[in-house]
Amino acid sequence: MNESSTDQTDIEKLHSLKRLATAVYLCQVLAFAFAGLPLLVGVIINFMRQDDVKGTFLESHFDWQIKTVWIALAGLALSGLTFEFGIGLFILIATVVLMVYRIVVGWSALNSDRPVSE
């Protein structure tokens, strides 16, 4: 195999992985409508394909997406635990706003073929 066909294969693999990262961002958006299940599907995809993105700009996106899920789970749990005390709603709102922010920032960077910077 010559060098140009290897480069083409690498480019095609990167495009495929970028589509996968886009699908995970879509899963995160759909989590708002479907009670969180797509969020879990997306993070499973992240963990299963994490080795494939090592060394590419997509590695930062997979890390960002995984951290977004951890933040969401922690925020939702804390919100549920504190709802009776009157602060759970505020924690829930903050969690949703933070999730939306992280999805928008990540997806925007992905569409610009840039890594996500924290």
N, C-alpha and C. Protein backbone atom coordinates (compact mmCIF):
# COMPACT_ATOMS: atom_id res chain seq x y z
N MET A 1 0.85 -1.18 0.00
CA MET A 1 0.00 0.00 0.00
C MET A 1 0.89 1.24 0.00
N ASN A 2 0.61 2.17 -0.85
CA ASN A 2 1.45 3.36 -0.91
C ASN A 2 0.99 4.39 0.13
N GLU A 3 1.81 5.43 0.27
CA GLU A 3 1.58 6.43 1.30
C GLU A 3 0.29 7.21 1.09
N SER A 4 -0.06 7.53 -0.14
CA SER A 4 -1.28 8.32 -0.39
C SER A 4 -2.54 7.53 -0.04
N SER A 5 -2.54 6.21 -0.29
CA SER A 5 -3.71 5.43 0.07
C SER A 5 -3.80 5.25 1.58
N THR A 6 -2.65 5.21 2.26
CA THR A 6 -2.65 5.16 3.72
C THR A 6 -3.20 6.46 4.29
N ASP A 7 -2.78 7.59 3.71
CA ASP A 7 -3.29 8.89 4.14
C ASP A 7 -4.80 8.97 3.92
N GLN A 8 -5.26 8.48 2.78
CA GLN A 8 -6.69 8.50 2.47
C GLN A 8 -7.46 7.65 3.47
N THR A 9 -6.93 6.50 3.83
CA THR A 9 -7.56 5.62 4.81
C THR A 9 -7.64 6.31 6.17
N ASP A 10 -6.57 7.00 6.55
CA ASP A 10 -6.56 7.73 7.82
C ASP A 10 -7.59 8.85 7.82
N ILE A 11 -7.71 9.55 6.70
CA ILE A 11 -8.69 10.63 6.59
C ILE A 11 -10.10 10.08 6.69
N GLU A 12 -10.36 8.97 6.01
CA GLU A 12 -11.69 8.35 6.06
C GLU A 12 -12.01 7.87 7.48
N LYS A 13 -11.03 7.32 8.17
CA LYS A 13 -11.23 6.87 9.55
C LYS A 13 -11.55 8.05 10.46
N LEU A 14 -10.81 9.15 10.27
CA LEU A 14 -11.05 10.35 11.07
C LEU A 14 -12.46 10.90 10.82
N HIS A 15 -12.89 10.92 9.57
CA HIS A 15 -14.25 11.38 9.25
C HIS A 15 -15.30 10.48 9.89
N SER A 16 -15.05 9.20 9.88
CA SER A 16 -15.97 8.24 10.50
C SER A 16 -16.06 8.47 12.01
N LEU A 17 -14.91 8.69 12.63
CA LEU A 17 -14.89 8.95 14.07
C LEU A 17 -15.53 10.30 14.40
N LYS A 18 -15.37 11.27 13.50
CA LYS A 18 -16.01 12.58 13.71
C LYS A 18 -17.53 12.42 13.66
N ARG A 19 -18.03 11.60 12.73
CA ARG A 19 -19.47 11.34 12.68
C ARG A 19 -19.94 10.66 13.96
N LEU A 20 -19.12 9.81 14.51
CA LEU A 20 -19.45 9.14 15.76
C LEU A 20 -19.52 10.15 16.91
N ALA A 21 -18.57 11.06 16.97
CA ALA A 21 -18.60 12.11 18.01
C ALA A 21 -19.83 12.99 17.84
N THR A 22 -20.20 13.28 16.59
CA THR A 22 -21.42 14.04 16.32
C THR A 22 -22.64 13.29 16.82
N ALA A 23 -22.68 11.98 16.61
CA ALA A 23 -23.79 11.16 17.07
C ALA A 23 -23.89 11.19 18.59
N VAL A 24 -22.75 11.21 19.27
CA VAL A 24 -22.77 11.26 20.73
C VAL A 24 -23.31 12.61 21.21
N TYR A 25 -22.91 13.70 20.55
CA TYR A 25 -23.49 15.01 20.92
C TYR A 25 -25.00 14.98 20.69
N LEU A 26 -25.44 14.37 19.61
CA LEU A 26 -26.87 14.24 19.35
C LEU A 26 -27.55 13.42 20.45
N CYS A 27 -26.92 12.35 20.89
CA CYS A 27 -27.45 11.56 22.00
C CYS A 27 -27.61 12.42 23.25
N GLN A 28 -26.63 13.29 23.49
CA GLN A 28 -26.72 14.16 24.66
C GLN A 28 -27.88 15.13 24.55
N VAL A 29 -28.14 15.62 23.36
CA VAL A 29 -29.30 16.51 23.15
C VAL A 29 -30.60 15.73 23.34
N LEU A 30 -30.65 14.55 22.77
CA LEU A 30 -31.87 13.74 22.86
C LEU A 30 -32.16 13.28 24.28
N ALA A 31 -31.17 13.30 25.14
CA ALA A 31 -31.37 12.91 26.54
C ALA A 31 -32.40 13.79 27.23
N PHE A 32 -32.52 15.04 26.77
CA PHE A 32 -33.51 15.94 27.38
C PHE A 32 -34.94 15.49 27.07
N ALA A 33 -35.13 14.87 25.93
CA ALA A 33 -36.48 14.46 25.52
C ALA A 33 -36.81 13.02 25.92
N PHE A 34 -35.80 12.19 26.09
CA PHE A 34 -36.04 10.77 26.31
C PHE A 34 -35.48 10.28 27.65
N ALA A 35 -35.62 11.08 28.68
CA ALA A 35 -35.33 10.69 30.06
C ALA A 35 -33.92 10.13 30.27
N GLY A 36 -32.96 10.66 29.56
CA GLY A 36 -31.57 10.32 29.84
C GLY A 36 -31.01 9.08 29.17
N LEU A 37 -31.84 8.21 28.63
CA LEU A 37 -31.35 6.98 28.03
C LEU A 37 -30.33 7.23 26.91
N PRO A 38 -30.58 8.17 25.99
CA PRO A 38 -29.58 8.43 24.95
C PRO A 38 -28.23 8.90 25.52
N LEU A 39 -28.26 9.55 26.68
CA LEU A 39 -27.02 9.99 27.32
C LEU A 39 -26.15 8.78 27.65
N LEU A 40 -26.78 7.73 28.15
CA LEU A 40 -26.05 6.51 28.49
C LEU A 40 -25.56 5.79 27.23
N VAL A 41 -26.38 5.79 26.18
CA VAL A 41 -25.96 5.18 24.91
C VAL A 41 -24.72 5.90 24.39
N GLY A 42 -24.74 7.22 24.44
CA GLY A 42 -23.61 8.01 23.96
C GLY A 42 -22.33 7.74 24.73
N VAL A 43 -22.43 7.65 26.05
CA VAL A 43 -21.21 7.43 26.84
C VAL A 43 -20.68 6.01 26.66
N ILE A 44 -21.55 5.07 26.39
CA ILE A 44 -21.09 3.71 26.07
C ILE A 44 -20.29 3.73 24.77
N ILE A 45 -20.79 4.48 23.78
CA ILE A 45 -20.04 4.63 22.52
C ILE A 45 -18.68 5.26 22.80
N ASN A 46 -18.65 6.30 23.64
CA ASN A 46 -17.38 6.95 23.98
C ASN A 46 -16.38 5.95 24.57
N PHE A 47 -16.83 5.17 25.53
CA PHE A 47 -15.92 4.23 26.17
C PHE A 47 -15.48 3.12 25.23
N MET A 48 -16.38 2.66 24.37
CA MET A 48 -16.04 1.57 23.46
C MET A 48 -15.05 2.00 22.38
N ARG A 49 -15.10 3.25 21.97
CA ARG A 49 -14.26 3.71 20.85
C ARG A 49 -13.16 4.68 21.29
N GLN A 50 -12.95 4.82 22.58
CA GLN A 50 -11.99 5.78 23.11
C GLN A 50 -10.57 5.53 22.58
N ASP A 51 -10.17 4.28 22.45
CA ASP A 51 -8.82 3.99 21.95
C ASP A 51 -8.64 4.41 20.49
N ASP A 52 -9.73 4.40 19.72
CA ASP A 52 -9.65 4.76 18.30
C ASP A 52 -9.32 6.23 18.08
N VAL A 53 -9.63 7.09 19.04
CA VAL A 53 -9.42 8.53 18.86
C VAL A 53 -8.14 9.03 19.52
N LYS A 54 -7.40 8.14 20.16
CA LYS A 54 -6.14 8.55 20.81
C LYS A 54 -5.22 9.24 19.81
N GLY A 55 -4.70 10.39 20.23
CA GLY A 55 -3.76 11.11 19.39
C GLY A 55 -4.39 12.00 18.34
N THR A 56 -5.72 12.08 18.31
CA THR A 56 -6.41 12.95 17.35
C THR A 56 -7.12 14.06 18.12
N PHE A 57 -7.58 15.08 17.40
CA PHE A 57 -8.33 16.14 18.06
C PHE A 57 -9.64 15.63 18.63
N LEU A 58 -10.09 14.48 18.16
CA LEU A 58 -11.34 13.91 18.66
C LEU A 58 -11.20 13.34 20.07
N GLU A 59 -9.99 13.08 20.49
CA GLU A 59 -9.78 12.58 21.85
C GLU A 59 -10.32 13.58 22.87
N SER A 60 -10.10 14.86 22.63
CA SER A 60 -10.61 15.88 23.56
C SER A 60 -12.13 15.89 23.58
N HIS A 61 -12.75 15.60 22.44
CA HIS A 61 -14.22 15.57 22.38
C HIS A 61 -14.77 14.38 23.17
N PHE A 62 -14.13 13.23 23.02
CA PHE A 62 -14.59 12.06 23.77
C PHE A 62 -14.43 12.30 25.26
N ASP A 63 -13.30 12.88 25.69
CA ASP A 63 -13.11 13.21 27.10
C ASP A 63 -14.17 14.21 27.58
N TRP A 64 -14.43 15.22 26.78
CA TRP A 64 -15.42 16.26 27.08
C TRP A 64 -16.81 15.63 27.23
N GLN A 65 -17.15 14.74 26.32
CA GLN A 65 -18.46 14.09 26.35
C GLN A 65 -18.60 13.20 27.57
N ILE A 66 -17.56 12.46 27.92
CA ILE A 66 -17.61 11.61 29.11
C ILE A 66 -17.75 12.46 30.37
N LYS A 67 -17.00 13.55 30.45
CA LYS A 67 -17.11 14.44 31.61
C LYS A 67 -18.49 15.07 31.69
N THR A 68 -19.08 15.37 30.54
CA THR A 68 -20.43 15.94 30.53
C THR A 68 -21.42 14.96 31.16
N VAL A 69 -21.27 13.69 30.86
CA VAL A 69 -22.17 12.68 31.44
C VAL A 69 -21.95 12.58 32.95
N TRP A 70 -20.71 12.59 33.40
CA TRP A 70 -20.44 12.53 34.83
C TRP A 70 -21.03 13.74 35.53
N ILE A 71 -20.88 14.92 34.94
CA ILE A 71 -21.45 16.14 35.52
C ILE A 71 -22.97 16.02 35.60
N ALA A 72 -23.57 15.52 34.52
CA ALA A 72 -25.03 15.38 34.49
C ALA A 72 -25.50 14.40 35.56
N LEU A 73 -24.84 13.27 35.67
CA LEU A 73 -25.24 12.28 36.67
C LEU A 73 -25.07 12.81 38.09
N ALA A 74 -23.95 13.47 38.35
CA ALA A 74 -23.72 14.04 39.67
C ALA A 74 -24.74 15.13 39.99
N GLY A 75 -24.99 16.00 39.02
CA GLY A 75 -25.96 17.08 39.23
C GLY A 75 -27.37 16.57 39.46
N LEU A 76 -27.76 15.55 38.68
CA LEU A 76 -29.10 14.99 38.84
C LEU A 76 -29.24 14.28 40.18
N ALA A 77 -28.21 13.56 40.59
CA ALA A 77 -28.24 12.87 41.88
C ALA A 77 -28.31 13.88 43.03
N LEU A 78 -27.48 14.89 42.97
CA LEU A 78 -27.47 15.92 44.01
C LEU A 78 -28.80 16.67 44.05
N SER A 79 -29.33 16.94 42.88
CA SER A 79 -30.63 17.60 42.81
C SER A 79 -31.72 16.75 43.46
N GLY A 80 -31.73 15.46 43.14
CA GLY A 80 -32.72 14.56 43.73
C GLY A 80 -32.60 14.46 45.23
N LEU A 81 -31.36 14.44 45.72
CA LEU A 81 -31.13 14.31 47.16
C LEU A 81 -31.49 15.58 47.93
N THR A 82 -31.45 16.71 47.27
CA THR A 82 -31.69 17.98 47.96
C THR A 82 -33.03 18.63 47.60
N PHE A 83 -33.85 17.94 46.84
CA PHE A 83 -35.12 18.53 46.40
C PHE A 83 -36.01 18.87 47.59
N GLU A 84 -36.02 18.03 48.60
CA GLU A 84 -36.87 18.28 49.78
C GLU A 84 -36.43 19.50 50.56
N PHE A 85 -35.18 19.87 50.43
CA PHE A 85 -34.65 21.01 51.18
C PHE A 85 -34.80 22.33 50.44
N GLY A 86 -35.38 22.28 49.26
CA GLY A 86 -35.65 23.50 48.52
C GLY A 86 -34.55 23.96 47.59
N ILE A 87 -33.42 23.27 47.57
CA ILE A 87 -32.35 23.70 46.67
C ILE A 87 -32.18 22.77 45.47
N GLY A 88 -32.89 21.66 45.50
CA GLY A 88 -32.77 20.69 44.42
C GLY A 88 -33.14 21.25 43.06
N LEU A 89 -34.15 22.08 43.01
CA LEU A 89 -34.58 22.68 41.76
C LEU A 89 -33.49 23.58 41.18
N PHE A 90 -32.83 24.34 42.06
CA PHE A 90 -31.75 25.23 41.60
C PHE A 90 -30.56 24.42 41.07
N ILE A 91 -30.27 23.32 41.74
CA ILE A 91 -29.18 22.45 41.28
C ILE A 91 -29.56 21.81 39.94
N LEU A 92 -30.82 21.42 39.80
CA LEU A 92 -31.28 20.84 38.54
C LEU A 92 -31.16 21.84 37.40
N ILE A 93 -31.58 23.06 37.64
CA ILE A 93 -31.50 24.11 36.61
C ILE A 93 -30.03 24.36 36.24
N ALA A 94 -29.17 24.45 37.24
CA ALA A 94 -27.74 24.67 36.97
C ALA A 94 -27.15 23.51 36.18
N THR A 95 -27.57 22.30 36.49
CA THR A 95 -27.07 21.12 35.78
C THR A 95 -27.50 21.15 34.32
N VAL A 96 -28.75 21.49 34.07
CA VAL A 96 -29.26 21.56 32.70
C VAL A 96 -28.53 22.65 31.92
N VAL A 97 -28.35 23.81 32.52
CA VAL A 97 -27.65 24.91 31.86
C VAL A 97 -26.21 24.50 31.54
N LEU A 98 -25.55 23.84 32.49
CA LEU A 98 -24.17 23.40 32.25
C LEU A 98 -24.10 22.35 31.15
N MET A 99 -25.05 21.45 31.12
CA MET A 99 -25.08 20.46 30.05
C MET A 99 -25.26 21.12 28.68
N VAL A 100 -26.20 22.04 28.59
CA VAL A 100 -26.44 22.74 27.33
C VAL A 100 -25.17 23.48 26.90
N TYR A 101 -24.54 24.15 27.84
CA TYR A 101 -23.29 24.87 27.54
C TYR A 101 -22.24 23.91 26.98
N ARG A 102 -22.04 22.78 27.66
CA ARG A 102 -21.00 21.83 27.24
C ARG A 102 -21.32 21.21 25.88
N ILE A 103 -22.59 20.95 25.61
CA ILE A 103 -22.96 20.40 24.31
C ILE A 103 -22.71 21.43 23.20
N VAL A 104 -23.10 22.67 23.44
CA VAL A 104 -22.93 23.72 22.43
C VAL A 104 -21.44 23.98 22.17
N VAL A 105 -20.67 24.11 23.23
CA VAL A 105 -19.23 24.37 23.07
C VAL A 105 -18.56 23.20 22.34
N GLY A 106 -18.86 21.99 22.77
CA GLY A 106 -18.24 20.82 22.15
C GLY A 106 -18.62 20.65 20.70
N TRP A 107 -19.92 20.74 20.42
CA TRP A 107 -20.39 20.56 19.05
C TRP A 107 -19.84 21.65 18.13
N SER A 108 -19.77 22.87 18.63
CA SER A 108 -19.21 23.97 17.83
C SER A 108 -17.74 23.72 17.49
N ALA A 109 -16.99 23.28 18.48
CA ALA A 109 -15.57 22.98 18.22
C ALA A 109 -15.44 21.82 17.24
N LEU A 110 -16.29 20.81 17.39
CA LEU A 110 -16.24 19.66 16.48
C LEU A 110 -16.53 20.09 15.05
N ASN A 111 -17.52 20.94 14.86
CA ASN A 111 -17.86 21.41 13.52
C ASN A 111 -16.76 22.26 12.90
N SER A 112 -15.90 22.81 13.74
CA SER A 112 -14.75 23.60 13.26
C SER A 112 -13.48 22.76 13.19
N ASP A 113 -13.61 21.46 13.41
CA ASP A 113 -12.47 20.55 13.42
C ASP A 113 -11.39 20.98 14.40
N ARG A 114 -11.84 21.43 15.57
CA ARG A 114 -10.92 21.85 16.62
C ARG A 114 -11.13 20.96 17.85
N PRO A 115 -10.09 20.80 18.66
CA PRO A 115 -10.29 20.11 19.94
C PRO A 115 -11.07 21.01 20.90
N VAL A 116 -11.68 20.41 21.88
CA VAL A 116 -12.36 21.19 22.91
C VAL A 116 -11.31 21.60 23.93
N SER A 117 -11.28 22.88 24.27
CA SER A 117 -10.34 23.33 25.29
C SER A 117 -11.12 23.65 26.55
N GLU A 118 -10.64 23.10 27.65
CA GLU A 118 -11.36 23.30 28.91
C GLU A 118 -10.92 24.53 29.62
